[in-house]
Amino acid sequence: MHEPSRQGYLVFIDECGFMLAPLVRRTWAPRGHTPVIKIAEPHGRISAIGAITISPALSRFGFHFHLLSDNANFRGKSIVEFLETVRRQIRRPFIVIWDQIPIHQSYPVEQYLQYHSDVRVEPFPPYVPELNPVDRVWGYIKYGRLANFCPSSLDQLREQVTIELSRVKKRPDLLNSCFRATGLRL
């Protein structure tokens, strides 16, 4: 990666999905009585995008997120909208660091990057997705905070995911831990 400007930000971005089907971690039931989890819509999901922003000059960590409408997928246009939201909130040049999935190289994203010279991109090599600290945020939420959570509707799932992501936003110490766990350094 290029040496970032100390006046700019590093912005790690990743997408994920939250399903109505719960991530069962451990259940308790009487011996011989297998627990049954009833799911209203087993394939219902909410797609999320998140960004950990880091100011190398200040060692300040921030978090931004956006949830799409029910059962929607990210496209180039929705990626651009998120990039613009982050750009307006941090108001400094930044380097986006993300994986090499096709929507990150879509026409709308390429056009946006061409027009905004204050936003640069450094993709992760395809063999190291675990270096993205946002992936650790997703794991924390899915396997920690929402483990065994069995919402009855996408509305209930959206509400709880929003609560959990808003909590993460208020925890720069957690974001710093997610970053440090990757082994990357500022």
C-alpha atoms as a PDB file:
ATOM      1  CA  MET A   1       0.000   0.000   0.000  1.00  0.00           C
ATOM      2  CA  HIS A   2       1.070   3.585  -0.578  1.00  0.00           C
ATOM      3  CA  GLU A   3       2.090   5.674   2.391  1.00  0.00           C
ATOM      4  CA  PRO A   4      -1.091   7.554   3.413  1.00  0.00           C
ATOM      5  CA  SER A   5      -1.076  11.278   3.955  1.00  0.00           C
ATOM      6  CA  ARG A   6      -1.076  11.973   7.682  1.00  0.00           C
ATOM      7  CA  GLN A   7      -3.845  14.514   6.996  1.00  0.00           C
ATOM      8  CA  GLY A   8      -6.032  11.897   5.329  1.00  0.00           C
ATOM      9  CA  TYR A   9      -7.896   8.891   6.616  1.00  0.00           C
ATOM     10  CA  LEU A  10      -7.740   5.174   6.066  1.00  0.00           C
ATOM     11  CA  VAL A  11     -11.211   3.753   5.416  1.00  0.00           C
ATOM     12  CA  PHE A  12     -11.721  -0.007   5.563  1.00  0.00           C
ATOM     13  CA  ILE A  13     -15.013  -1.052   3.955  1.00  0.00           C
ATOM     14  CA  ASP A  14     -16.838  -4.382   3.869  1.00  0.00           C
ATOM     15  CA  GLU A  15     -20.341  -5.672   3.229  1.00  0.00           C
ATOM     16  CA  CYS A  16     -22.253  -8.461   4.937  1.00  0.00           C
ATOM     17  CA  GLY A  17     -25.724  -9.895   5.329  1.00  0.00           C
ATOM     18  CA  PHE A  18     -27.813 -10.517   8.419  1.00  0.00           C
ATOM     19  CA  MET A  19     -30.262 -13.400   8.022  1.00  0.00           C
ATOM     20  CA  LEU A  20     -33.535 -14.147   9.760  1.00  0.00           C
ATOM     21  CA  ALA A  21     -32.238 -17.657  10.389  1.00  0.00           C
ATOM     22  CA  PRO A  22     -30.314 -17.375  13.664  1.00  0.00           C
ATOM     23  CA  LEU A  23     -26.660 -18.231  14.154  1.00  0.00           C
ATOM     24  CA  VAL A  24     -27.106 -20.904  16.772  1.00  0.00           C
ATOM     25  CA  ARG A  25     -24.120 -20.985  19.095  1.00  0.00           C
ATOM     26  CA  ARG A  26     -25.390 -23.120  21.959  1.00  0.00           C
ATOM     27  CA  THR A  27     -28.808 -24.270  23.005  1.00  0.00           C
ATOM     28  CA  TRP A  28     -30.131 -25.759  26.198  1.00  0.00           C
ATOM     29  CA  ALA A  29     -32.930 -28.285  26.211  1.00  0.00           C
ATOM     30  CA  PRO A  30     -33.828 -31.349  28.236  1.00  0.00           C
ATOM     31  CA  ARG A  31     -31.968 -34.468  27.132  1.00  0.00           C
ATOM     32  CA  GLY A  32     -33.796 -36.108  24.242  1.00  0.00           C
ATOM     33  CA  HIS A  33     -35.791 -32.971  23.321  1.00  0.00           C
ATOM     34  CA  THR A  34     -34.113 -31.297  20.383  1.00  0.00           C
ATOM     35  CA  PRO A  35     -34.955 -27.594  20.353  1.00  0.00           C
ATOM     36  CA  VAL A  36     -36.972 -26.414  17.357  1.00  0.00           C
ATOM     37  CA  ILE A  37     -36.468 -22.916  16.059  1.00  0.00           C
ATOM     38  CA  LYS A  38     -39.334 -21.574  13.962  1.00  0.00           C
ATOM     39  CA  ILE A  39     -38.351 -19.072  11.306  1.00  0.00           C
ATOM     40  CA  ALA A  40     -40.982 -16.997   9.516  1.00  0.00           C
ATOM     41  CA  GLU A  41     -38.947 -16.376   6.358  1.00  0.00           C
ATOM     42  CA  PRO A  42     -35.744 -18.462   6.329  1.00  0.00           C
ATOM     43  CA  HIS A  43     -34.124 -16.597   3.444  1.00  0.00           C
ATOM     44  CA  GLY A  44     -35.020 -13.090   4.598  1.00  0.00           C
ATOM     45  CA  ARG A  45     -31.958 -10.888   4.977  1.00  0.00           C
ATOM     46  CA  ILE A  46     -30.681  -7.375   5.462  1.00  0.00           C
ATOM     47  CA  SER A  47     -27.539  -6.340   3.611  1.00  0.00           C
ATOM     48  CA  ALA A  48     -25.177  -4.039   5.492  1.00  0.00           C
ATOM     49  CA  ILE A  49     -22.094  -2.057   4.594  1.00  0.00           C
ATOM     50  CA  GLY A  50     -19.671  -0.775   7.182  1.00  0.00           C
ATOM     51  CA  ALA A  51     -16.562   1.369   7.289  1.00  0.00           C
ATOM     52  CA  ILE A  52     -13.922   1.722   9.957  1.00  0.00           C
ATOM     53  CA  THR A  53     -12.314   5.133   9.535  1.00  0.00           C
ATOM     54  CA  ILE A  54      -8.895   5.793  11.000  1.00  0.00           C
ATOM     55  CA  SER A  55      -7.112   9.106  11.299  1.00  0.00           C
ATOM     56  CA  PRO A  56      -3.423   8.106  11.431  1.00  0.00           C
ATOM     57  CA  ALA A  57      -2.455  11.586  12.640  1.00  0.00           C
ATOM     58  CA  LEU A  58      -4.807  11.402  15.632  1.00  0.00           C
ATOM     59  CA  SER A  59      -5.092   7.609  15.999  1.00  0.00           C
ATOM     60  CA  ARG A  60      -8.854   8.185  16.064  1.00  0.00           C
ATOM     61  CA  PHE A  61     -11.233   5.384  15.076  1.00  0.00           C
ATOM     62  CA  GLY A  62     -14.763   5.846  13.750  1.00  0.00           C
ATOM     63  CA  PHE A  63     -17.476   3.613  12.326  1.00  0.00           C
ATOM     64  CA  HIS A  64     -20.095   4.258   9.655  1.00  0.00           C
ATOM     65  CA  PHE A  65     -22.755   1.872   8.401  1.00  0.00           C
ATOM     66  CA  HIS A  66     -25.767   1.646   6.152  1.00  0.00           C
ATOM     67  CA  LEU A  67     -28.483  -0.991   5.840  1.00  0.00           C
ATOM     68  CA  LEU A  68     -30.285  -1.642   2.564  1.00  0.00           C
ATOM     69  CA  SER A  69     -33.999  -2.333   2.288  1.00  0.00           C
ATOM     70  CA  ASP A  70     -35.180  -5.887   2.948  1.00  0.00           C
ATOM     71  CA  ASN A  71     -33.676  -8.579   0.707  1.00  0.00           C
ATOM     72  CA  ALA A  72     -31.782  -6.041  -1.417  1.00  0.00           C
ATOM     73  CA  ASN A  73     -28.247  -6.522  -2.741  1.00  0.00           C
ATOM     74  CA  PHE A  74     -25.506  -3.954  -3.015  1.00  0.00           C
ATOM     75  CA  ARG A  75     -24.890  -2.566  -6.486  1.00  0.00           C
ATOM     76  CA  GLY A  76     -22.434  -0.002  -7.794  1.00  0.00           C
ATOM     77  CA  LYS A  77     -24.831   2.866  -7.150  1.00  0.00           C
ATOM     78  CA  SER A  78     -25.403   1.935  -3.490  1.00  0.00           C
ATOM     79  CA  ILE A  79     -21.634   1.589  -2.966  1.00  0.00           C
ATOM     80  CA  VAL A  80     -21.141   5.096  -4.406  1.00  0.00           C
ATOM     81  CA  GLU A  81     -23.847   6.493  -2.122  1.00  0.00           C
ATOM     82  CA  PHE A  82     -22.061   5.019   0.895  1.00  0.00           C
ATOM     83  CA  LEU A  83     -18.673   6.344  -0.251  1.00  0.00           C
ATOM     84  CA  GLU A  84     -20.169   9.810  -0.631  1.00  0.00           C
ATOM     85  CA  THR A  85     -21.756   9.635   2.829  1.00  0.00           C
ATOM     86  CA  VAL A  86     -18.403   8.727   4.390  1.00  0.00           C
ATOM     87  CA  ARG A  87     -16.644  11.422   2.344  1.00  0.00           C
ATOM     88  CA  ARG A  88     -19.045  14.116   3.550  1.00  0.00           C
ATOM     89  CA  GLN A  89     -18.748  13.025   7.169  1.00  0.00           C
ATOM     90  CA  ILE A  90     -14.953  12.906   7.442  1.00  0.00           C
ATOM     91  CA  ARG A  91     -14.273  15.843   5.056  1.00  0.00           C
ATOM     92  CA  ARG A  92     -10.667  14.852   4.416  1.00  0.00           C
ATOM     93  CA  PRO A  93      -8.905  12.897   1.679  1.00  0.00           C
ATOM     94  CA  PHE A  94      -8.995   9.171   2.308  1.00  0.00           C
ATOM     95  CA  ILE A  95      -7.809   5.837   1.060  1.00  0.00           C
ATOM     96  CA  VAL A  96     -10.443   3.128   0.749  1.00  0.00           C
ATOM     97  CA  ILE A  97      -9.138  -0.328   1.543  1.00  0.00           C
ATOM     98  CA  TRP A  98     -11.477  -3.143   0.530  1.00  0.00           C
ATOM     99  CA  ASP A  99     -11.661  -6.507  -1.162  1.00  0.00           C
ATOM    100  CA  GLN A 100     -11.784  -7.050  -4.909  1.00  0.00           C
ATOM    101  CA  ILE A 101     -15.400  -8.100  -5.385  1.00  0.00           C
ATOM    102  CA  PRO A 102     -16.877  -7.024  -8.737  1.00  0.00           C
ATOM    103  CA  ILE A 103     -19.183  -4.296  -7.362  1.00  0.00           C
ATOM    104  CA  HIS A 104     -16.132  -2.432  -6.075  1.00  0.00           C
ATOM    105  CA  GLN A 105     -14.918  -2.230  -9.671  1.00  0.00           C
ATOM    106  CA  SER A 106     -18.302  -1.466 -11.222  1.00  0.00           C
ATOM    107  CA  TYR A 107     -18.821   1.407 -13.647  1.00  0.00           C
ATOM    108  CA  PRO A 108     -20.549   3.720 -11.103  1.00  0.00           C
ATOM    109  CA  VAL A 109     -17.735   3.202  -8.578  1.00  0.00           C
ATOM    110  CA  GLU A 110     -15.019   3.772 -11.212  1.00  0.00           C
ATOM    111  CA  GLN A 111     -16.794   6.964 -12.367  1.00  0.00           C
ATOM    112  CA  TYR A 112     -17.083   8.215  -8.800  1.00  0.00           C
ATOM    113  CA  LEU A 113     -13.404   7.583  -8.095  1.00  0.00           C
ATOM    114  CA  GLN A 114     -12.391   9.289 -11.328  1.00  0.00           C
ATOM    115  CA  TYR A 115     -14.373  12.396 -10.375  1.00  0.00           C
ATOM    116  CA  HIS A 116     -13.215  12.528  -6.711  1.00  0.00           C
ATOM    117  CA  SER A 117      -9.442  12.739  -6.592  1.00  0.00           C
ATOM    118  CA  ASP A 118      -9.516  12.957  -2.781  1.00  0.00           C
ATOM    119  CA  VAL A 119     -10.648   9.323  -2.645  1.00  0.00           C
ATOM    120  CA  ARG A 120      -8.119   6.654  -3.550  1.00  0.00           C
ATOM    121  CA  VAL A 121      -8.488   2.891  -3.488  1.00  0.00           C
ATOM    122  CA  GLU A 122      -6.071   0.198  -2.356  1.00  0.00           C
ATOM    123  CA  PRO A 123      -7.574  -3.271  -2.729  1.00  0.00           C
ATOM    124  CA  PHE A 124      -6.670  -6.140  -0.458  1.00  0.00           C
ATOM    125  CA  PRO A 125      -4.971  -9.010  -2.252  1.00  0.00           C
ATOM    126  CA  PRO A 126      -7.587 -11.724  -2.865  1.00  0.00           C
ATOM    127  CA  TYR A 127      -5.875 -14.180  -0.521  1.00  0.00           C
ATOM    128  CA  VAL A 128      -6.089 -12.067   2.672  1.00  0.00           C
ATOM    129  CA  PRO A 129      -9.714 -11.052   3.346  1.00  0.00           C
ATOM    130  CA  GLU A 130      -9.094 -11.585   7.068  1.00  0.00           C
ATOM    131  CA  LEU A 131      -7.021  -8.385   7.109  1.00  0.00           C
ATOM    132  CA  ASN A 132     -10.151  -6.251   6.879  1.00  0.00           C
ATOM    133  CA  PRO A 133     -11.028  -5.102  10.427  1.00  0.00           C
ATOM    134  CA  VAL A 134     -14.666  -4.520   9.417  1.00  0.00           C
ATOM    135  CA  ASP A 135     -14.970  -8.283   8.980  1.00  0.00           C
ATOM    136  CA  ARG A 136     -14.142  -8.582  12.680  1.00  0.00           C
ATOM    137  CA  VAL A 137     -16.955  -6.154  13.508  1.00  0.00           C
ATOM    138  CA  TRP A 138     -19.366  -8.400  11.602  1.00  0.00           C
ATOM    139  CA  GLY A 139     -18.092 -11.422  13.525  1.00  0.00           C
ATOM    140  CA  TYR A 140     -18.456  -9.625  16.847  1.00  0.00           C
ATOM    141  CA  ILE A 141     -22.068  -8.735  16.075  1.00  0.00           C
ATOM    142  CA  LYS A 142     -23.132 -12.021  14.481  1.00  0.00           C
ATOM    143  CA  TYR A 143     -21.366 -14.514  16.717  1.00  0.00           C
ATOM    144  CA  GLY A 144     -21.319 -12.480  19.912  1.00  0.00           C
ATOM    145  CA  ARG A 145     -24.105  -9.950  20.218  1.00  0.00           C
ATOM    146  CA  LEU A 146     -26.724 -11.664  18.009  1.00  0.00           C
ATOM    147  CA  ALA A 147     -25.843 -15.318  18.630  1.00  0.00           C
ATOM    148  CA  ASN A 148     -29.061 -17.333  19.137  1.00  0.00           C
ATOM    149  CA  PHE A 149     -31.181 -14.242  18.362  1.00  0.00           C
ATOM    150  CA  CYS A 150     -34.311 -15.462  16.587  1.00  0.00           C
ATOM    151  CA  PRO A 151     -36.249 -12.452  15.256  1.00  0.00           C
ATOM    152  CA  SER A 152     -39.825 -12.950  14.124  1.00  0.00           C
ATOM    153  CA  SER A 153     -39.557 -10.461  11.240  1.00  0.00           C
ATOM    154  CA  LEU A 154     -37.104  -8.472   9.179  1.00  0.00           C
ATOM    155  CA  ASP A 155     -38.296  -5.357  11.008  1.00  0.00           C
ATOM    156  CA  GLN A 156     -37.247  -6.865  14.331  1.00  0.00           C
ATOM    157  CA  LEU A 157     -33.924  -7.984  12.840  1.00  0.00           C
ATOM    158  CA  ARG A 158     -33.303  -4.512  11.368  1.00  0.00           C
ATOM    159  CA  GLU A 159     -34.035  -2.855  14.696  1.00  0.00           C
ATOM    160  CA  GLN A 160     -31.613  -5.103  16.594  1.00  0.00           C
ATOM    161  CA  VAL A 161     -28.854  -4.867  13.948  1.00  0.00           C
ATOM    162  CA  THR A 162     -29.184  -1.070  14.005  1.00  0.00           C
ATOM    163  CA  ILE A 163     -28.911  -1.058  17.804  1.00  0.00           C
ATOM    164  CA  GLU A 164     -25.798  -3.241  17.734  1.00  0.00           C
ATOM    165  CA  LEU A 165     -24.068  -1.286  14.947  1.00  0.00           C
ATOM    166  CA  SER A 166     -24.875   1.979  16.731  1.00  0.00           C
ATOM    167  CA  ARG A 167     -23.215   0.559  19.866  1.00  0.00           C
ATOM    168  CA  VAL A 168     -20.118  -0.299  17.842  1.00  0.00           C
ATOM    169  CA  LYS A 169     -20.058   3.265  16.539  1.00  0.00           C
ATOM    170  CA  LYS A 170     -19.711   4.501  20.134  1.00  0.00           C
ATOM    171  CA  ARG A 171     -16.834   2.108  20.913  1.00  0.00           C
ATOM    172  CA  PRO A 172     -13.540   3.375  19.443  1.00  0.00           C
ATOM    173  CA  ASP A 173     -11.761   0.968  21.784  1.00  0.00           C
ATOM    174  CA  LEU A 174     -13.560  -1.968  20.138  1.00  0.00           C
ATOM    175  CA  LEU A 175     -12.752  -0.626  16.665  1.00  0.00           C
ATOM    176  CA  ASN A 176      -9.107  -0.269  17.654  1.00  0.00           C
ATOM    177  CA  SER A 177      -9.153  -3.887  18.894  1.00  0.00           C
ATOM    178  CA  CYS A 178     -10.641  -5.078  15.603  1.00  0.00           C
ATOM    179  CA  PHE A 179      -7.887  -3.236  13.757  1.00  0.00           C
ATOM    180  CA  ARG A 180      -5.091  -4.536  16.007  1.00  0.00           C
ATOM    181  CA  ALA A 181      -6.407  -8.110  15.686  1.00  0.00           C
ATOM    182  CA  THR A 182      -5.619  -8.026  11.948  1.00  0.00           C
ATOM    183  CA  GLY A 183      -1.913  -7.499  12.642  1.00  0.00           C
ATOM    184  CA  LEU A 184      -1.873  -4.313  10.537  1.00  0.00           C
ATOM    185  CA  ARG A 185      -0.098  -1.207  11.841  1.00  0.00           C
ATOM    186  CA  LEU A 186      -0.580   2.512  11.331  1.00  0.00           C
END
